[in-house]
Amino acid sequence: MATELRRLREAAGLTARQAAALLGVSPAQITHIESGLAGVSEKRLRRLASHYACTDEKFVDALVGMAVDRTRGWWEEYRGLLPTSFLDLAELDHHASFRREVAILFVPGLLQTEDYARAVFSSRVPELTDEELETRIRHRLARRVIIEGPSPVPYDVVIHEAALRIRVSDRTAWKAQLVRLLALSEADNITLRVIPFDLDGFARASSSMTYVGGPLPRLDTVVRDAPHGSVFIDSEAQLHAYRTRFRKVEAVSLEPDRSRDFIHTLAKEL
């Protein structure tokens, strides 16, 4: 919300000082709102949108929805225990209307078994303490609610064969992970596809990505992993590029039924 308000102001050609004068507040208050350090009431948000000549009523309503939402999510219990990006990701999940993912080297976090997640987090450098490790595992398992809870969102995921063959743990844990993928692929809200090594067009799926749908397309977000946490991308030009990229990745992947057969074959080999 803060980012979108700043973009609206800049598109209107107004400075923070000018916007503050129109609203009758200090420039510092506008800066705090646009930095996410202060909230804003529905009345003031609609006044700002009017001053910024924003006529997209659905977009303004979506911003208002974010402004007045006082939900204290389950992720708040992890505040101070995990990096902020973990909490941001869980909150992004909570507000998602759909989710799309491309995974190359690891099974996506939402689909991981506890043993798989433990192996992934245990490989971190520098190593996590036992307490940090257990906290991250609990948080990751809690995030499953987005696809397995009372109101699961549509989830389209494409996994490369590399992620299905790399054993982050022992044989038993890895087979259990494949079995979980097979079970989840049967869910009505989950569409799982596989890209085998021998399928043409792999260059289009050369890196992982997560695309999270917002209440409107212009409020979608792409999440990319970085060495020191997640990077959140929300510019319209880049969102369009990632939408196009996901469609191309889907086009070179196996259909869901063939993907299940592929995973089943891998599991039998173990």
C-alpha atoms as a PDB file:
ATOM      1  CA  MET A   1       0.000   0.000   0.000  1.00  0.00           C
ATOM      2  CA  ALA A   2       2.774   2.405   0.935  1.00  0.00           C
ATOM      3  CA  THR A   3       4.612   1.782  -2.334  1.00  0.00           C
ATOM      4  CA  GLU A   4       1.462   2.239  -4.417  1.00  0.00           C
ATOM      5  CA  LEU A   5       0.624   5.544  -2.710  1.00  0.00           C
ATOM      6  CA  ARG A   6       4.110   6.820  -3.454  1.00  0.00           C
ATOM      7  CA  ARG A   7       3.760   5.773  -7.091  1.00  0.00           C
ATOM      8  CA  LEU A   8       0.400   7.526  -7.386  1.00  0.00           C
ATOM      9  CA  ARG A   9       1.864  10.726  -5.945  1.00  0.00           C
ATOM     10  CA  GLU A  10       4.867  10.633  -8.277  1.00  0.00           C
ATOM     11  CA  ALA A  11       2.632   9.940 -11.284  1.00  0.00           C
ATOM     12  CA  ALA A  12       0.597  13.020 -10.323  1.00  0.00           C
ATOM     13  CA  GLY A  13       3.794  15.086 -10.321  1.00  0.00           C
ATOM     14  CA  LEU A  14       3.490  16.064  -6.669  1.00  0.00           C
ATOM     15  CA  THR A  15       6.171  16.255  -4.011  1.00  0.00           C
ATOM     16  CA  ALA A  16       5.620  14.872  -0.517  1.00  0.00           C
ATOM     17  CA  ARG A  17       5.411  18.454   0.740  1.00  0.00           C
ATOM     18  CA  GLN A  18       2.689  19.312  -1.787  1.00  0.00           C
ATOM     19  CA  ALA A  19       0.732  16.164  -0.936  1.00  0.00           C
ATOM     20  CA  ALA A  20       0.993  17.010   2.760  1.00  0.00           C
ATOM     21  CA  ALA A  21      -0.374  20.509   2.135  1.00  0.00           C
ATOM     22  CA  LEU A  22      -3.373  19.084   0.254  1.00  0.00           C
ATOM     23  CA  LEU A  23      -4.095  16.729   3.140  1.00  0.00           C
ATOM     24  CA  GLY A  24      -3.341  19.246   5.868  1.00  0.00           C
ATOM     25  CA  VAL A  25      -0.601  17.198   7.511  1.00  0.00           C
ATOM     26  CA  SER A  26       3.174  17.485   7.850  1.00  0.00           C
ATOM     27  CA  PRO A  27       5.500  16.283   5.050  1.00  0.00           C
ATOM     28  CA  ALA A  28       7.000  13.853   7.556  1.00  0.00           C
ATOM     29  CA  GLN A  29       3.627  12.127   7.915  1.00  0.00           C
ATOM     30  CA  ILE A  30       3.409  11.547   4.145  1.00  0.00           C
ATOM     31  CA  THR A  31       6.953  10.179   4.195  1.00  0.00           C
ATOM     32  CA  HIS A  32       6.083   7.824   7.053  1.00  0.00           C
ATOM     33  CA  ILE A  33       2.966   6.577   5.245  1.00  0.00           C
ATOM     34  CA  GLU A  34       4.907   5.980   2.022  1.00  0.00           C
ATOM     35  CA  SER A  35       7.635   4.164   3.940  1.00  0.00           C
ATOM     36  CA  GLY A  36       5.209   1.815   5.642  1.00  0.00           C
ATOM     37  CA  LEU A  37       6.099   3.289   9.040  1.00  0.00           C
ATOM     38  CA  ALA A  38       2.633   4.742   9.663  1.00  0.00           C
ATOM     39  CA  GLY A  39      -0.892   3.712   8.781  1.00  0.00           C
ATOM     40  CA  VAL A  40      -3.516   5.812   7.058  1.00  0.00           C
ATOM     41  CA  SER A  41      -7.268   6.009   7.556  1.00  0.00           C
ATOM     42  CA  GLU A  42      -9.746   5.160   4.806  1.00  0.00           C
ATOM     43  CA  LYS A  43     -10.871   8.797   4.642  1.00  0.00           C
ATOM     44  CA  ARG A  44      -7.346  10.153   4.191  1.00  0.00           C
ATOM     45  CA  LEU A  45      -6.395   7.443   1.709  1.00  0.00           C
ATOM     46  CA  ARG A  46      -9.406   8.255  -0.481  1.00  0.00           C
ATOM     47  CA  ARG A  47      -8.583  11.972  -0.258  1.00  0.00           C
ATOM     48  CA  LEU A  48      -5.022  11.266  -1.356  1.00  0.00           C
ATOM     49  CA  ALA A  49      -6.252   9.141  -4.272  1.00  0.00           C
ATOM     50  CA  SER A  50      -8.554  11.980  -5.297  1.00  0.00           C
ATOM     51  CA  HIS A  51      -5.732  14.541  -5.122  1.00  0.00           C
ATOM     52  CA  TYR A  52      -3.589  12.164  -7.200  1.00  0.00           C
ATOM     53  CA  ALA A  53      -6.364  11.950  -9.839  1.00  0.00           C
ATOM     54  CA  CYS A  54      -6.633   8.176  -9.466  1.00  0.00           C
ATOM     55  CA  THR A  55      -9.975   7.163 -11.010  1.00  0.00           C
ATOM     56  CA  ASP A  56      -9.557   3.386 -10.709  1.00  0.00           C
ATOM     57  CA  GLU A  57     -12.181   2.701  -8.031  1.00  0.00           C
ATOM     58  CA  LYS A  58     -11.352  -1.010  -7.698  1.00  0.00           C
ATOM     59  CA  PHE A  59      -7.697  -0.176  -7.173  1.00  0.00           C
ATOM     60  CA  VAL A  60      -8.488   2.434  -4.518  1.00  0.00           C
ATOM     61  CA  ASP A  61     -10.872  -0.001  -2.806  1.00  0.00           C
ATOM     62  CA  ALA A  62      -8.073  -2.600  -2.730  1.00  0.00           C
ATOM     63  CA  LEU A  63      -5.701  -0.091  -1.115  1.00  0.00           C
ATOM     64  CA  VAL A  64      -8.385   0.784   1.430  1.00  0.00           C
ATOM     65  CA  GLY A  65      -8.787  -2.911   2.199  1.00  0.00           C
ATOM     66  CA  MET A  66      -5.093  -3.094   3.059  1.00  0.00           C
ATOM     67  CA  ALA A  67      -5.213   0.148   5.048  1.00  0.00           C
ATOM     68  CA  VAL A  68      -8.069  -0.919   7.331  1.00  0.00           C
ATOM     69  CA  ASP A  69      -7.010  -4.561   7.736  1.00  0.00           C
ATOM     70  CA  ARG A  70      -6.060  -5.024  11.381  1.00  0.00           C
ATOM     71  CA  THR A  71      -5.614  -8.793  11.164  1.00  0.00           C
ATOM     72  CA  ARG A  72      -3.051 -10.146  13.605  1.00  0.00           C
ATOM     73  CA  GLY A  73      -1.796 -13.116  11.628  1.00  0.00           C
ATOM     74  CA  TRP A  74      -0.281 -16.311  12.971  1.00  0.00           C
ATOM     75  CA  TRP A  75       3.103 -15.108  11.727  1.00  0.00           C
ATOM     76  CA  GLU A  76       3.228 -12.353  14.352  1.00  0.00           C
ATOM     77  CA  GLU A  77       4.296 -14.896  16.965  1.00  0.00           C
ATOM     78  CA  TYR A  78       7.570 -15.179  15.048  1.00  0.00           C
ATOM     79  CA  ARG A  79       8.332 -11.449  15.140  1.00  0.00           C
ATOM     80  CA  GLY A  80      11.760 -10.989  16.683  1.00  0.00           C
ATOM     81  CA  LEU A  81      12.533 -14.672  16.182  1.00  0.00           C
ATOM     82  CA  LEU A  82      12.903 -14.740  12.389  1.00  0.00           C
ATOM     83  CA  PRO A  83      14.150 -12.259   9.779  1.00  0.00           C
ATOM     84  CA  THR A  84      11.455  -9.810   8.657  1.00  0.00           C
ATOM     85  CA  SER A  85      11.350 -11.318   5.164  1.00  0.00           C
ATOM     86  CA  PHE A  86       9.928 -14.567   6.646  1.00  0.00           C
ATOM     87  CA  LEU A  87       7.049 -12.626   8.186  1.00  0.00           C
ATOM     88  CA  ASP A  88       6.510 -10.614   5.013  1.00  0.00           C
ATOM     89  CA  LEU A  89       6.295 -13.820   2.992  1.00  0.00           C
ATOM     90  CA  ALA A  90       3.707 -15.335   5.353  1.00  0.00           C
ATOM     91  CA  GLU A  91       1.635 -12.137   5.232  1.00  0.00           C
ATOM     92  CA  LEU A  92       1.882 -12.117   1.440  1.00  0.00           C
ATOM     93  CA  ASP A  93       0.582 -15.707   1.473  1.00  0.00           C
ATOM     94  CA  HIS A  94      -2.333 -14.654   3.683  1.00  0.00           C
ATOM     95  CA  HIS A  95      -3.527 -12.038   1.183  1.00  0.00           C
ATOM     96  CA  ALA A  96      -2.836 -14.090  -1.967  1.00  0.00           C
ATOM     97  CA  SER A  97      -5.599 -14.772  -4.476  1.00  0.00           C
ATOM     98  CA  PHE A  98      -3.461 -17.357  -6.275  1.00  0.00           C
ATOM     99  CA  ARG A  99       0.122 -18.563  -6.378  1.00  0.00           C
ATOM    100  CA  ARG A 100       2.413 -19.736  -9.182  1.00  0.00           C
ATOM    101  CA  GLU A 101       5.866 -21.183  -8.722  1.00  0.00           C
ATOM    102  CA  VAL A 102       8.825 -22.487 -10.715  1.00  0.00           C
ATOM    103  CA  ALA A 103      11.340 -24.625  -8.799  1.00  0.00           C
ATOM    104  CA  ILE A 104      14.655 -25.768 -10.260  1.00  0.00           C
ATOM    105  CA  LEU A 105      16.908 -27.157  -7.504  1.00  0.00           C
ATOM    106  CA  PHE A 106      14.633 -27.616  -4.477  1.00  0.00           C
ATOM    107  CA  VAL A 107      11.061 -28.695  -3.851  1.00  0.00           C
ATOM    108  CA  PRO A 108       9.036 -25.523  -3.072  1.00  0.00           C
ATOM    109  CA  GLY A 109       8.731 -24.739   0.620  1.00  0.00           C
ATOM    110  CA  LEU A 110       4.939 -25.120   0.690  1.00  0.00           C
ATOM    111  CA  LEU A 111       5.267 -28.711  -0.560  1.00  0.00           C
ATOM    112  CA  GLN A 112       8.147 -29.832   1.638  1.00  0.00           C
ATOM    113  CA  THR A 113       7.912 -32.547   4.268  1.00  0.00           C
ATOM    114  CA  GLU A 114       9.294 -31.735   7.716  1.00  0.00           C
ATOM    115  CA  ASP A 115      12.377 -33.923   7.100  1.00  0.00           C
ATOM    116  CA  TYR A 116      13.055 -32.222   3.757  1.00  0.00           C
ATOM    117  CA  ALA A 117      12.715 -28.752   5.295  1.00  0.00           C
ATOM    118  CA  ARG A 118      15.020 -29.762   8.126  1.00  0.00           C
ATOM    119  CA  ALA A 119      17.676 -30.928   5.652  1.00  0.00           C
ATOM    120  CA  VAL A 120      17.430 -27.685   3.663  1.00  0.00           C
ATOM    121  CA  PHE A 121      17.734 -25.425   6.703  1.00  0.00           C
ATOM    122  CA  SER A 122      20.481 -27.595   8.193  1.00  0.00           C
ATOM    123  CA  SER A 123      22.658 -26.950   5.138  1.00  0.00           C
ATOM    124  CA  ARG A 124      22.774 -23.207   5.757  1.00  0.00           C
ATOM    125  CA  VAL A 125      26.114 -21.433   6.099  1.00  0.00           C
ATOM    126  CA  PRO A 126      26.667 -20.144   8.715  1.00  0.00           C
ATOM    127  CA  GLU A 127      24.886 -22.905  10.597  1.00  0.00           C
ATOM    128  CA  LEU A 128      21.699 -22.174  12.513  1.00  0.00           C
ATOM    129  CA  THR A 129      21.442 -22.874  16.212  1.00  0.00           C
ATOM    130  CA  ASP A 130      19.078 -25.687  17.226  1.00  0.00           C
ATOM    131  CA  GLU A 131      16.499 -23.115  18.329  1.00  0.00           C
ATOM    132  CA  GLU A 132      16.728 -21.150  15.075  1.00  0.00           C
ATOM    133  CA  LEU A 133      16.441 -24.357  13.065  1.00  0.00           C
ATOM    134  CA  GLU A 134      13.301 -25.520  14.853  1.00  0.00           C
ATOM    135  CA  THR A 135      11.720 -22.058  14.599  1.00  0.00           C
ATOM    136  CA  ARG A 136      12.235 -21.923  10.829  1.00  0.00           C
ATOM    137  CA  ILE A 137      10.832 -25.408  10.378  1.00  0.00           C
ATOM    138  CA  ARG A 138       7.702 -24.573  12.413  1.00  0.00           C
ATOM    139  CA  HIS A 139       7.203 -21.397  10.399  1.00  0.00           C
ATOM    140  CA  ARG A 140       7.585 -23.230   7.081  1.00  0.00           C
ATOM    141  CA  LEU A 141       5.109 -25.935   8.049  1.00  0.00           C
ATOM    142  CA  ALA A 142       2.624 -23.318   9.289  1.00  0.00           C
ATOM    143  CA  ARG A 143       2.703 -21.628   5.873  1.00  0.00           C
ATOM    144  CA  ARG A 144       1.074 -24.714   4.358  1.00  0.00           C
ATOM    145  CA  VAL A 145      -2.296 -23.282   5.417  1.00  0.00           C
ATOM    146  CA  ILE A 146      -2.376 -21.249   2.201  1.00  0.00           C
ATOM    147  CA  ILE A 147      -2.773 -24.415   0.097  1.00  0.00           C
ATOM    148  CA  GLU A 148      -4.074 -26.930   2.638  1.00  0.00           C
ATOM    149  CA  GLY A 149      -6.177 -24.816   5.010  1.00  0.00           C
ATOM    150  CA  PRO A 150      -9.936 -24.149   5.085  1.00  0.00           C
ATOM    151  CA  SER A 151      -9.730 -21.714   2.137  1.00  0.00           C
ATOM    152  CA  PRO A 152      -6.871 -22.924  -0.054  1.00  0.00           C
ATOM    153  CA  VAL A 153      -5.812 -20.708  -2.956  1.00  0.00           C
ATOM    154  CA  PRO A 154      -5.163 -21.980  -6.491  1.00  0.00           C
ATOM    155  CA  TYR A 155      -1.537 -23.100  -6.702  1.00  0.00           C
ATOM    156  CA  ASP A 156       0.209 -23.809 -10.026  1.00  0.00           C
ATOM    157  CA  VAL A 157       3.709 -25.185  -9.586  1.00  0.00           C
ATOM    158  CA  VAL A 158       6.311 -26.349 -12.096  1.00  0.00           C
ATOM    159  CA  ILE A 159       9.193 -28.446 -10.738  1.00  0.00           C
ATOM    160  CA  HIS A 160      12.269 -29.379 -12.741  1.00  0.00           C
ATOM    161  CA  GLU A 161      13.521 -32.950 -12.639  1.00  0.00           C
ATOM    162  CA  ALA A 162      16.726 -31.687 -11.011  1.00  0.00           C
ATOM    163  CA  ALA A 163      14.741 -30.754  -7.892  1.00  0.00           C
ATOM    164  CA  LEU A 164      13.116 -34.178  -7.900  1.00  0.00           C
ATOM    165  CA  ARG A 165      16.428 -36.035  -8.070  1.00  0.00           C
ATOM    166  CA  ILE A 166      18.701 -34.011  -5.775  1.00  0.00           C
ATOM    167  CA  ARG A 167      18.634 -35.771  -2.402  1.00  0.00           C
ATOM    168  CA  VAL A 168      18.900 -33.168   0.296  1.00  0.00           C
ATOM    169  CA  SER A 169      18.481 -35.942   2.864  1.00  0.00           C
ATOM    170  CA  ASP A 170      18.573 -39.751   2.948  1.00  0.00           C
ATOM    171  CA  ARG A 171      16.708 -42.176   0.663  1.00  0.00           C
ATOM    172  CA  THR A 172      13.809 -42.726   3.071  1.00  0.00           C
ATOM    173  CA  ALA A 173      13.136 -39.010   3.560  1.00  0.00           C
ATOM    174  CA  TRP A 174      13.418 -38.394  -0.161  1.00  0.00           C
ATOM    175  CA  LYS A 175      10.900 -41.096  -1.038  1.00  0.00           C
ATOM    176  CA  ALA A 176       8.519 -39.646   1.553  1.00  0.00           C
ATOM    177  CA  GLN A 177       8.899 -36.258  -0.165  1.00  0.00           C
ATOM    178  CA  LEU A 178       7.970 -37.740  -3.555  1.00  0.00           C
ATOM    179  CA  VAL A 179       4.967 -39.484  -2.017  1.00  0.00           C
ATOM    180  CA  ARG A 180       3.827 -36.170  -0.527  1.00  0.00           C
ATOM    181  CA  LEU A 181       4.107 -34.494  -3.931  1.00  0.00           C
ATOM    182  CA  LEU A 182       1.936 -37.214  -5.445  1.00  0.00           C
ATOM    183  CA  ALA A 183      -0.691 -36.772  -2.734  1.00  0.00           C
ATOM    184  CA  LEU A 184      -0.767 -32.984  -3.056  1.00  0.00           C
ATOM    185  CA  SER A 185      -0.979 -33.159  -6.855  1.00  0.00           C
ATOM    186  CA  GLU A 186      -4.433 -34.730  -6.442  1.00  0.00           C
ATOM    187  CA  ALA A 187      -5.797 -31.684  -4.610  1.00  0.00           C
ATOM    188  CA  ASP A 188      -8.372 -29.656  -6.544  1.00  0.00           C
ATOM    189  CA  ASN A 189      -6.527 -26.367  -5.985  1.00  0.00           C
ATOM    190  CA  ILE A 190      -3.044 -27.655  -6.918  1.00  0.00           C
ATOM    191  CA  THR A 191      -1.740 -28.131 -10.454  1.00  0.00           C
ATOM    192  CA  LEU A 192       1.709 -29.715 -10.443  1.00  0.00           C
ATOM    193  CA  ARG A 193       3.810 -30.037 -13.581  1.00  0.00           C
ATOM    194  CA  VAL A 194       7.280 -31.460 -14.169  1.00  0.00           C
ATOM    195  CA  ILE A 195      10.038 -30.470 -16.596  1.00  0.00           C
ATOM    196  CA  PRO A 196      12.150 -33.571 -17.362  1.00  0.00           C
ATOM    197  CA  PHE A 197      15.800 -33.271 -18.323  1.00  0.00           C
ATOM    198  CA  ASP A 198      15.065 -34.513 -21.833  1.00  0.00           C
ATOM    199  CA  LEU A 199      12.289 -31.997 -22.579  1.00  0.00           C
ATOM    200  CA  ASP A 200      13.129 -29.196 -25.018  1.00  0.00           C
ATOM    201  CA  GLY A 201      12.939 -25.550 -23.990  1.00  0.00           C
ATOM    202  CA  PHE A 202      14.642 -25.735 -20.594  1.00  0.00           C
ATOM    203  CA  ALA A 203      16.295 -22.321 -21.050  1.00  0.00           C
ATOM    204  CA  ARG A 204      12.941 -20.704 -20.288  1.00  0.00           C
ATOM    205  CA  ALA A 205      13.009 -22.246 -16.804  1.00  0.00           C
ATOM    206  CA  SER A 206      16.574 -21.492 -15.860  1.00  0.00           C
ATOM    207  CA  SER A 207      15.815 -20.022 -12.424  1.00  0.00           C
ATOM    208  CA  SER A 208      13.226 -20.305  -9.682  1.00  0.00           C
ATOM    209  CA  MET A 209      10.435 -17.792  -9.135  1.00  0.00           C
ATOM    210  CA  THR A 210       7.292 -17.316  -7.068  1.00  0.00           C
ATOM    211  CA  TYR A 211       4.383 -15.265  -8.400  1.00  0.00           C
ATOM    212  CA  VAL A 212       1.717 -14.262  -5.876  1.00  0.00           C
ATOM    213  CA  GLY A 213      -1.587 -12.826  -7.064  1.00  0.00           C
ATOM    214  CA  GLY A 214      -3.045  -9.821  -5.284  1.00  0.00           C
ATOM    215  CA  PRO A 215      -6.666  -8.569  -5.232  1.00  0.00           C
ATOM    216  CA  LEU A 216      -5.904  -6.905  -8.598  1.00  0.00           C
ATOM    217  CA  PRO A 217      -3.218  -7.715 -11.196  1.00  0.00           C
ATOM    218  CA  ARG A 218      -1.388  -4.446 -10.514  1.00  0.00           C
ATOM    219  CA  LEU A 219      -1.033  -5.536  -6.872  1.00  0.00           C
ATOM    220  CA  ASP A 220       0.629  -8.868  -7.716  1.00  0.00           C
ATOM    221  CA  THR A 221       4.099  -9.618  -6.325  1.00  0.00           C
ATOM    222  CA  VAL A 222       7.029 -11.725  -7.493  1.00  0.00           C
ATOM    223  CA  VAL A 223       9.328 -13.219  -4.861  1.00  0.00           C
ATOM    224  CA  ARG A 224      12.921 -14.137  -5.696  1.00  0.00           C
ATOM    225  CA  ASP A 225      15.368 -15.748  -3.314  1.00  0.00           C
ATOM    226  CA  ALA A 226      18.555 -13.819  -2.553  1.00  0.00           C
ATOM    227  CA  PRO A 227      21.608 -14.649  -0.389  1.00  0.00           C
ATOM    228  CA  HIS A 228      20.336 -12.502   2.491  1.00  0.00           C
ATOM    229  CA  GLY A 229      16.579 -13.062   2.237  1.00  0.00           C
ATOM    230  CA  SER A 230      13.714 -12.710  -0.208  1.00  0.00           C
ATOM    231  CA  VAL A 231      13.410  -9.925  -2.767  1.00  0.00           C
ATOM    232  CA  PHE A 232       9.903  -8.648  -3.524  1.00  0.00           C
ATOM    233  CA  ILE A 233       9.235  -7.317  -7.035  1.00  0.00           C
ATOM    234  CA  ASP A 234       6.075  -5.379  -7.879  1.00  0.00           C
ATOM    235  CA  SER A 235       6.727  -3.008 -10.802  1.00  0.00           C
ATOM    236  CA  GLU A 236       4.202  -3.484 -13.602  1.00  0.00           C
ATOM    237  CA  ALA A 237       6.845  -3.970 -16.295  1.00  0.00           C
ATOM    238  CA  GLN A 238       8.547  -6.758 -14.364  1.00  0.00           C
ATOM    239  CA  LEU A 239       5.240  -8.357 -13.347  1.00  0.00           C
ATOM    240  CA  HIS A 240       4.302  -8.562 -17.024  1.00  0.00           C
ATOM    241  CA  ALA A 241       7.653 -10.178 -17.827  1.00  0.00           C
ATOM    242  CA  TYR A 242       7.212 -12.795 -15.096  1.00  0.00           C
ATOM    243  CA  ARG A 243       3.633 -13.563 -16.170  1.00  0.00           C
ATOM    244  CA  THR A 244       4.900 -14.181 -19.685  1.00  0.00           C
ATOM    245  CA  ARG A 245       7.786 -16.258 -18.408  1.00  0.00           C
ATOM    246  CA  PHE A 246       5.532 -18.507 -16.342  1.00  0.00           C
ATOM    247  CA  ARG A 247       3.273 -19.165 -19.330  1.00  0.00           C
ATOM    248  CA  LYS A 248       6.322 -20.173 -21.368  1.00  0.00           C
ATOM    249  CA  VAL A 249       7.570 -22.461 -18.608  1.00  0.00           C
ATOM    250  CA  GLU A 250       4.142 -24.114 -18.448  1.00  0.00           C
ATOM    251  CA  ALA A 251       4.270 -24.641 -22.194  1.00  0.00           C
ATOM    252  CA  VAL A 252       7.441 -26.766 -21.986  1.00  0.00           C
ATOM    253  CA  SER A 253       6.324 -28.828 -18.984  1.00  0.00           C
ATOM    254  CA  LEU A 254       4.484 -32.136 -18.855  1.00  0.00           C
ATOM    255  CA  GLU A 255       0.724 -32.181 -18.385  1.00  0.00           C
ATOM    256  CA  PRO A 256      -0.415 -32.871 -14.770  1.00  0.00           C
ATOM    257  CA  ASP A 257      -1.273 -36.550 -15.409  1.00  0.00           C
ATOM    258  CA  ARG A 258       2.051 -37.235 -17.093  1.00  0.00           C
ATOM    259  CA  SER A 259       3.815 -35.318 -14.318  1.00  0.00           C
ATOM    260  CA  ARG A 260       2.245 -37.578 -11.678  1.00  0.00           C
ATOM    261  CA  ASP A 261       3.321 -40.627 -13.667  1.00  0.00           C
ATOM    262  CA  PHE A 262       6.852 -39.211 -13.837  1.00  0.00           C
ATOM    263  CA  ILE A 263       7.057 -38.663 -10.066  1.00  0.00           C
ATOM    264  CA  HIS A 264       5.549 -42.076  -9.427  1.00  0.00           C
ATOM    265  CA  THR A 265       8.263 -43.670 -11.556  1.00  0.00           C
ATOM    266  CA  LEU A 266      10.966 -41.849  -9.614  1.00  0.00           C
ATOM    267  CA  ALA A 267       9.479 -43.006  -6.321  1.00  0.00           C
ATOM    268  CA  LYS A 268       9.415 -46.608  -7.520  1.00  0.00           C
ATOM    269  CA  GLU A 269      13.121 -46.380  -8.376  1.00  0.00           C
ATOM    270  CA  LEU A 270      13.802 -45.719  -4.694  1.00  0.00           C
END
